Amino acid sequence: MLLLLSFLALTSAVMTAAPPGVGEKAPDFALADLAGTARKLSGFTGQGPVVLVVLRGFPGYQCPLCNRQVGELVRNADGFAKAGARVVMVYPGPRDIAQSKANEFVSDKNLPQHFTLLVDPDYAMVLRYNLRWDAPKETAYPSTFVLDKSGKITYAKVSDSHGGRATAAEILAALAK
């Protein structure tokens, strides 16, 4: 009985684990960029602040709110560059379609040089950050983290809906602190 209760407590703790928050070190991860090159989060943070944006990926369609958010970030690219920040976006999805759908997502976008899109096949990073939105037609909770050069989270916004995402103005204000 004690073993069963211990198992249930552990299972409950794992299921309700929160995403990383302000003041915590962001868990490192390695994902491939669109060219197939493995990139580590710590490789970006070592160069300066990082804006880490977790998109919804392809839940059966290209998310219009993800498109809008990325468009706003691109329109504010000069502000991110002036802050010395890299914008790293994560596109999660099932292994068999994640790469092709990520390529499709950026096909009509002109991402600046300090923007990088990483592909998260089978939700490895999303699961590590406790951001998996495991419901029909869902992939990940839209989330934004600002990390300092040491990888510490200085700003975090996780939406439990399609909207409620961090705006470019909010992110730039967090970078200015």
Protein backbone atom coordinates (compact mmCIF):
# COMPACT_ATOMS: atom_id res chain seq x y z
CA MET A 1 0.00 0.00 0.00
CA LEU A 2 2.81 2.41 0.90
CA LEU A 3 4.47 1.67 -2.45
CA LEU A 4 1.21 2.43 -4.28
CA LEU A 5 0.79 5.73 -2.42
CA SER A 6 4.39 6.69 -3.20
CA PHE A 7 3.82 5.89 -6.87
CA LEU A 8 0.61 7.95 -6.96
CA ALA A 9 2.32 10.91 -5.27
CA LEU A 10 5.22 10.76 -7.76
CA THR A 11 2.85 10.45 -10.72
CA SER A 12 0.81 13.42 -9.50
CA ALA A 13 3.95 15.53 -9.02
CA VAL A 14 5.18 14.72 -12.53
CA MET A 15 1.79 15.50 -14.08
CA THR A 16 1.51 18.86 -12.35
CA ALA A 17 5.12 19.99 -12.76
CA ALA A 18 5.30 23.65 -13.64
CA PRO A 19 7.29 25.16 -16.48
CA PRO A 20 10.57 26.81 -15.47
CA GLY A 21 10.04 30.25 -13.96
CA VAL A 22 11.74 33.56 -13.33
CA GLY A 23 14.94 33.17 -11.34
CA GLU A 24 15.52 29.58 -12.45
CA LYS A 25 18.18 28.45 -14.88
CA ALA A 26 16.57 27.43 -18.15
CA PRO A 27 17.04 23.72 -18.83
CA ASP A 28 19.51 23.29 -21.68
CA PHE A 29 18.49 21.39 -24.79
CA ALA A 30 19.74 20.66 -28.29
CA LEU A 31 17.47 20.78 -31.34
CA ALA A 32 18.14 21.04 -35.05
CA ASP A 33 17.66 24.26 -36.96
CA LEU A 34 16.03 24.27 -40.40
CA ALA A 35 19.35 23.35 -42.04
CA GLY A 36 19.59 20.28 -39.80
CA THR A 37 22.42 21.64 -37.62
CA ALA A 38 22.14 20.75 -33.94
CA ARG A 39 21.99 23.89 -31.81
CA LYS A 40 22.18 24.03 -28.02
CA LEU A 41 20.34 26.67 -26.03
CA SER A 42 23.52 27.25 -24.01
CA GLY A 43 25.32 28.12 -27.25
CA PHE A 44 22.90 31.00 -27.77
CA THR A 45 22.90 32.26 -24.18
CA GLY A 46 26.68 32.36 -24.14
CA GLN A 47 26.47 35.12 -26.76
CA GLY A 48 24.02 37.33 -24.84
CA PRO A 49 20.37 37.44 -23.86
CA VAL A 50 17.97 35.04 -25.56
CA VAL A 51 14.27 35.37 -26.25
CA LEU A 52 12.98 31.78 -26.29
CA VAL A 53 9.57 31.49 -27.96
CA VAL A 54 7.71 28.18 -27.96
CA LEU A 55 5.17 28.07 -30.78
CA ARG A 56 2.27 25.66 -31.18
CA GLY A 57 3.77 23.95 -34.19
CA PHE A 58 1.30 22.23 -36.50
CA PRO A 59 -1.84 21.07 -34.65
CA GLY A 60 -3.51 20.27 -38.00
CA TYR A 61 -3.03 23.78 -39.41
CA GLN A 62 -0.50 26.61 -39.26
CA CYS A 63 -1.56 28.55 -36.18
CA PRO A 64 -2.67 32.08 -37.17
CA LEU A 65 -1.74 33.44 -33.73
CA CYS A 66 1.77 31.98 -34.04
CA ASN A 67 2.05 33.65 -37.44
CA ARG A 68 0.89 36.95 -35.97
CA GLN A 69 3.28 36.71 -33.01
CA VAL A 70 6.29 35.88 -35.17
CA GLY A 71 5.35 38.67 -37.59
CA GLU A 72 5.31 41.15 -34.70
CA LEU A 73 8.68 39.89 -33.46
CA VAL A 74 10.16 40.27 -36.95
CA ARG A 75 8.75 43.82 -37.25
CA ASN A 76 10.56 44.62 -33.99
CA ALA A 77 13.80 42.90 -35.01
CA ASP A 78 15.80 46.13 -34.71
CA GLY A 79 14.80 46.46 -31.06
CA PHE A 80 15.96 42.91 -30.33
CA ALA A 81 19.21 43.54 -32.18
CA LYS A 82 19.83 46.76 -30.20
CA ALA A 83 19.29 44.77 -26.99
CA GLY A 84 21.88 42.25 -28.22
CA ALA A 85 19.26 39.50 -28.06
CA ARG A 86 18.89 36.36 -30.11
CA VAL A 87 15.33 35.25 -30.80
CA VAL A 88 15.12 31.46 -30.71
CA MET A 89 11.78 29.96 -31.70
CA VAL A 90 10.83 26.33 -31.11
CA TYR A 91 8.44 24.59 -33.50
CA PRO A 92 7.16 21.35 -31.91
CA GLY A 93 5.42 18.47 -33.59
CA PRO A 94 5.33 14.78 -34.41
CA ARG A 95 8.65 13.52 -35.76
CA ASP A 96 7.24 12.57 -39.16
CA ILE A 97 5.96 16.07 -40.03
CA ALA A 98 7.72 18.56 -37.73
CA GLN A 99 10.53 19.46 -40.15
CA SER A 100 8.35 19.88 -43.23
CA LYS A 101 5.72 21.89 -41.35
CA ALA A 102 8.41 24.12 -39.79
CA ASN A 103 9.78 24.83 -43.28
CA GLU A 104 6.25 25.61 -44.43
CA PHE A 105 5.75 27.95 -41.44
CA VAL A 106 8.73 30.15 -42.36
CA SER A 107 8.31 29.94 -46.14
CA ASP A 108 6.57 33.32 -46.27
CA LYS A 109 8.73 34.97 -43.59
CA ASN A 110 12.05 36.74 -43.89
CA LEU A 111 13.66 35.90 -40.55
CA PRO A 112 16.47 38.28 -39.56
CA GLN A 113 19.94 36.83 -38.94
CA HIS A 114 19.53 36.98 -35.16
CA PHE A 115 16.35 34.86 -35.34
CA THR A 116 16.55 31.06 -35.36
CA LEU A 117 13.80 28.48 -35.74
CA LEU A 118 14.49 25.12 -34.10
CA VAL A 119 12.43 22.00 -34.73
CA ASP A 120 11.26 19.95 -31.75
CA PRO A 121 10.33 16.51 -33.10
CA ASP A 122 8.24 14.44 -30.71
CA TYR A 123 8.07 17.34 -28.22
CA ALA A 124 11.39 16.62 -26.46
CA MET A 125 11.99 20.25 -25.43
CA VAL A 126 8.29 20.95 -24.82
CA LEU A 127 8.09 17.97 -22.45
CA ARG A 128 11.31 18.97 -20.67
CA TYR A 129 9.85 22.45 -20.04
CA ASN A 130 6.44 21.00 -19.00
CA LEU A 131 4.71 22.87 -21.83
CA ARG A 132 2.95 19.96 -23.55
CA TRP A 133 -0.68 20.82 -24.23
CA ASP A 134 -1.88 17.27 -24.55
CA ALA A 135 -5.39 17.74 -25.90
CA PRO A 136 -6.94 17.12 -29.35
CA LYS A 137 -5.57 19.56 -31.94
CA GLU A 138 -2.96 20.89 -29.48
CA THR A 139 0.80 20.58 -29.19
CA ALA A 140 2.35 23.06 -26.75
CA TYR A 141 1.33 26.00 -24.62
CA PRO A 142 2.51 29.18 -26.39
CA SER A 143 5.32 30.47 -24.19
CA THR A 144 8.04 33.08 -24.07
CA PHE A 145 11.10 33.19 -21.84
CA VAL A 146 13.83 35.83 -21.68
CA LEU A 147 17.16 34.41 -20.58
CA ASP A 148 20.23 36.33 -19.50
CA LYS A 149 23.77 35.45 -20.61
CA SER A 150 24.07 32.87 -17.82
CA GLY A 151 20.85 31.15 -18.93
CA LYS A 152 18.78 32.41 -15.99
CA ILE A 153 15.14 33.20 -16.76
CA THR A 154 14.40 36.89 -16.22
CA TYR A 155 10.92 36.89 -17.80
CA ALA A 156 8.41 34.11 -18.43
CA LYS A 157 4.94 34.09 -19.91
CA VAL A 158 3.11 30.82 -20.53
CA SER A 159 -0.36 31.00 -22.05
CA ASP A 160 -2.98 28.39 -21.27
CA SER A 161 -4.89 29.37 -24.40
CA HIS A 162 -4.11 30.23 -28.00
CA GLY A 163 -3.92 33.93 -27.15
CA GLY A 164 -2.38 35.67 -24.18
CA ARG A 165 1.08 35.56 -25.67
CA ALA A 166 3.98 37.85 -24.90
CA THR A 167 4.07 40.92 -27.12
CA ALA A 168 7.21 42.39 -28.60
CA ALA A 169 6.77 45.43 -26.31
CA GLU A 170 6.62 43.20 -23.20
CA ILE A 171 9.69 41.27 -24.29
CA LEU A 172 11.69 44.39 -25.14
CA ALA A 173 10.77 45.87 -21.73
CA ALA A 174 12.01 42.69 -20.05
CA LEU A 175 15.27 42.88 -22.01
CA ALA A 176 15.76 46.49 -20.88
CA LYS A 177 15.70 45.56 -17.18
